């Protein structure tokens, strides 16, 4: 999926198991998983200045565009958990998907 999806990131506070300080760069390449699942995949997030715990809008794409089994499961309103190791540091909700993805 070279196509990008629009997402809203919700950074977890340190008290909730997230980072003490949200990622401060504009491009972040963590692992992720669909909410409540265990199979992980790598993503690229591009977003504005992160705020904790407030939401941040941005774009998400798969690092490996050939992961069709994950690409085909991305849906508007879907929740993707952002991981650092085994720890969930943020959740993002897919707000918009490209038309090509919606048709797959």
C-alpha atoms as a PDB file:
ATOM      1  CA  UNK A   1       0.000   0.000   0.000  1.00  0.00           C
ATOM      2  CA  UNK A   2       1.791   3.058  -1.164  1.00  0.00           C
ATOM      3  CA  UNK A   3      -1.565   4.753  -0.606  1.00  0.00           C
ATOM      4  CA  UNK A   4      -1.860   6.645   2.644  1.00  0.00           C
ATOM      5  CA  UNK A   5      -4.791   6.725   5.024  1.00  0.00           C
ATOM      6  CA  UNK A   6      -5.729   9.717   7.143  1.00  0.00           C
ATOM      7  CA  UNK A   7      -5.720   8.889  10.855  1.00  0.00           C
ATOM      8  CA  UNK A   8      -6.225  10.501  14.223  1.00  0.00           C
ATOM      9  CA  UNK A   9      -3.557   9.447  16.747  1.00  0.00           C
ATOM     10  CA  UNK A  10      -4.398   9.325  20.432  1.00  0.00           C
ATOM     11  CA  UNK A  11      -1.187   9.105  22.477  1.00  0.00           C
ATOM     12  CA  UNK A  12      -1.477   7.224  25.762  1.00  0.00           C
ATOM     13  CA  UNK A  13      -0.224   8.991  28.867  1.00  0.00           C
ATOM     14  CA  UNK A  14       2.658   7.495  30.836  1.00  0.00           C
ATOM     15  CA  UNK A  15       0.137   6.514  33.526  1.00  0.00           C
ATOM     16  CA  UNK A  16      -1.771   4.499  30.916  1.00  0.00           C
ATOM     17  CA  UNK A  17       1.400   2.734  29.745  1.00  0.00           C
ATOM     18  CA  UNK A  18       2.336   5.131  26.943  1.00  0.00           C
ATOM     19  CA  UNK A  19       5.391   7.294  26.478  1.00  0.00           C
ATOM     20  CA  UNK A  20       6.350   9.977  29.000  1.00  0.00           C
ATOM     21  CA  UNK A  21       6.771  12.314  26.003  1.00  0.00           C
ATOM     22  CA  UNK A  22       5.048  11.609  22.669  1.00  0.00           C
ATOM     23  CA  UNK A  23       7.234  11.067  19.631  1.00  0.00           C
ATOM     24  CA  UNK A  24       8.298  14.549  18.553  1.00  0.00           C
ATOM     25  CA  UNK A  25       9.345  14.005  14.943  1.00  0.00           C
ATOM     26  CA  UNK A  26       7.158  14.287  11.898  1.00  0.00           C
ATOM     27  CA  UNK A  27       7.831  10.745  10.661  1.00  0.00           C
ATOM     28  CA  UNK A  28       7.626   7.655  12.865  1.00  0.00           C
ATOM     29  CA  UNK A  29       8.078   4.006  11.809  1.00  0.00           C
ATOM     30  CA  UNK A  30       6.745   1.816  14.627  1.00  0.00           C
ATOM     31  CA  UNK A  31       5.167  -1.585  14.600  1.00  0.00           C
ATOM     32  CA  UNK A  32       1.394  -1.758  14.843  1.00  0.00           C
ATOM     33  CA  UNK A  33      -1.468  -4.197  15.135  1.00  0.00           C
ATOM     34  CA  UNK A  34      -5.210  -4.109  14.721  1.00  0.00           C
ATOM     35  CA  UNK A  35      -6.802  -3.371  18.102  1.00  0.00           C
ATOM     36  CA  UNK A  36      -7.009  -6.434  20.300  1.00  0.00           C
ATOM     37  CA  UNK A  37      -4.967  -8.657  17.969  1.00  0.00           C
ATOM     38  CA  UNK A  38      -1.406  -9.980  18.221  1.00  0.00           C
ATOM     39  CA  UNK A  39      -0.096 -10.044  14.626  1.00  0.00           C
ATOM     40  CA  UNK A  40       2.129  -7.012  14.129  1.00  0.00           C
ATOM     41  CA  UNK A  41       3.167  -5.142  10.985  1.00  0.00           C
ATOM     42  CA  UNK A  42       5.380  -2.117  10.349  1.00  0.00           C
ATOM     43  CA  UNK A  43       3.908   1.228   9.399  1.00  0.00           C
ATOM     44  CA  UNK A  44       5.016   4.738   8.552  1.00  0.00           C
ATOM     45  CA  UNK A  45       3.205   7.579  10.306  1.00  0.00           C
ATOM     46  CA  UNK A  46       3.567  11.171   9.171  1.00  0.00           C
ATOM     47  CA  UNK A  47       1.978  13.792  11.405  1.00  0.00           C
ATOM     48  CA  UNK A  48       2.225  17.271  12.887  1.00  0.00           C
ATOM     49  CA  UNK A  49       3.459  18.164  16.349  1.00  0.00           C
ATOM     50  CA  UNK A  50       2.400  15.428  18.776  1.00  0.00           C
ATOM     51  CA  UNK A  51       0.457  16.420  21.876  1.00  0.00           C
ATOM     52  CA  UNK A  52      -0.054  14.252  24.902  1.00  0.00           C
ATOM     53  CA  UNK A  53      -2.711  13.061  25.512  1.00  0.00           C
ATOM     54  CA  UNK A  54      -4.616  15.068  22.895  1.00  0.00           C
ATOM     55  CA  UNK A  55      -5.195  13.690  19.416  1.00  0.00           C
ATOM     56  CA  UNK A  56      -2.871  14.368  16.497  1.00  0.00           C
ATOM     57  CA  UNK A  57      -3.921  13.983  12.871  1.00  0.00           C
ATOM     58  CA  UNK A  58      -1.658  12.415  10.295  1.00  0.00           C
ATOM     59  CA  UNK A  59      -1.192   9.832   7.593  1.00  0.00           C
ATOM     60  CA  UNK A  60      -0.481   6.114   7.842  1.00  0.00           C
ATOM     61  CA  UNK A  61       0.897   3.697   5.281  1.00  0.00           C
ATOM     62  CA  UNK A  62       2.359   0.208   5.454  1.00  0.00           C
ATOM     63  CA  UNK A  63       6.153   0.114   5.422  1.00  0.00           C
ATOM     64  CA  UNK A  64       5.963  -2.988   3.204  1.00  0.00           C
ATOM     65  CA  UNK A  65       3.316  -2.346   0.516  1.00  0.00           C
ATOM     66  CA  UNK A  66       3.189  -6.073  -0.334  1.00  0.00           C
ATOM     67  CA  UNK A  67       1.456  -7.030   2.938  1.00  0.00           C
ATOM     68  CA  UNK A  68      -1.906  -7.424   1.253  1.00  0.00           C
ATOM     69  CA  UNK A  69      -3.451  -9.389   4.145  1.00  0.00           C
ATOM     70  CA  UNK A  70      -3.040  -6.310   6.373  1.00  0.00           C
ATOM     71  CA  UNK A  71      -3.697  -3.732   3.646  1.00  0.00           C
ATOM     72  CA  UNK A  72      -7.075  -5.255   2.807  1.00  0.00           C
ATOM     73  CA  UNK A  73      -8.205  -5.083   6.448  1.00  0.00           C
ATOM     74  CA  UNK A  74      -7.704  -1.339   6.889  1.00  0.00           C
ATOM     75  CA  UNK A  75     -11.139   0.261   7.066  1.00  0.00           C
ATOM     76  CA  UNK A  76     -12.543   3.651   7.906  1.00  0.00           C
ATOM     77  CA  UNK A  77     -13.246   3.762  11.641  1.00  0.00           C
ATOM     78  CA  UNK A  78     -10.815   0.904  12.307  1.00  0.00           C
ATOM     79  CA  UNK A  79      -8.495   1.157  15.299  1.00  0.00           C
ATOM     80  CA  UNK A  80      -4.792   0.420  14.977  1.00  0.00           C
ATOM     81  CA  UNK A  81      -2.590   0.184  18.063  1.00  0.00           C
ATOM     82  CA  UNK A  82       0.892   1.722  17.834  1.00  0.00           C
ATOM     83  CA  UNK A  83       3.505  -0.405  19.575  1.00  0.00           C
ATOM     84  CA  UNK A  84       6.954   0.058  21.057  1.00  0.00           C
ATOM     85  CA  UNK A  85       8.047  -3.464  21.845  1.00  0.00           C
ATOM     86  CA  UNK A  86       5.123  -5.158  23.606  1.00  0.00           C
ATOM     87  CA  UNK A  87       3.745  -1.838  24.876  1.00  0.00           C
ATOM     88  CA  UNK A  88       0.882   0.091  23.250  1.00  0.00           C
ATOM     89  CA  UNK A  89       1.881   3.785  23.178  1.00  0.00           C
ATOM     90  CA  UNK A  90      -0.908   5.174  20.987  1.00  0.00           C
ATOM     91  CA  UNK A  91      -4.090   4.230  19.198  1.00  0.00           C
ATOM     92  CA  UNK A  92      -5.110   5.632  15.876  1.00  0.00           C
ATOM     93  CA  UNK A  93      -8.486   5.668  14.249  1.00  0.00           C
ATOM     94  CA  UNK A  94      -8.606   5.555  10.457  1.00  0.00           C
ATOM     95  CA  UNK A  95     -10.629   8.552   9.297  1.00  0.00           C
ATOM     96  CA  UNK A  96     -10.149   8.359   5.517  1.00  0.00           C
ATOM     97  CA  UNK A  97      -8.887   5.690   3.144  1.00  0.00           C
ATOM     98  CA  UNK A  98      -7.938   5.992  -0.525  1.00  0.00           C
ATOM     99  CA  UNK A  99     -10.581   4.872  -3.005  1.00  0.00           C
ATOM    100  CA  UNK A 100      -8.317   2.091  -4.286  1.00  0.00           C
ATOM    101  CA  UNK A 101      -8.095   0.665  -0.783  1.00  0.00           C
ATOM    102  CA  UNK A 102     -11.839   0.909  -0.238  1.00  0.00           C
ATOM    103  CA  UNK A 103     -12.426  -1.156  -3.362  1.00  0.00           C
ATOM    104  CA  UNK A 104     -10.029  -3.977  -2.421  1.00  0.00           C
END
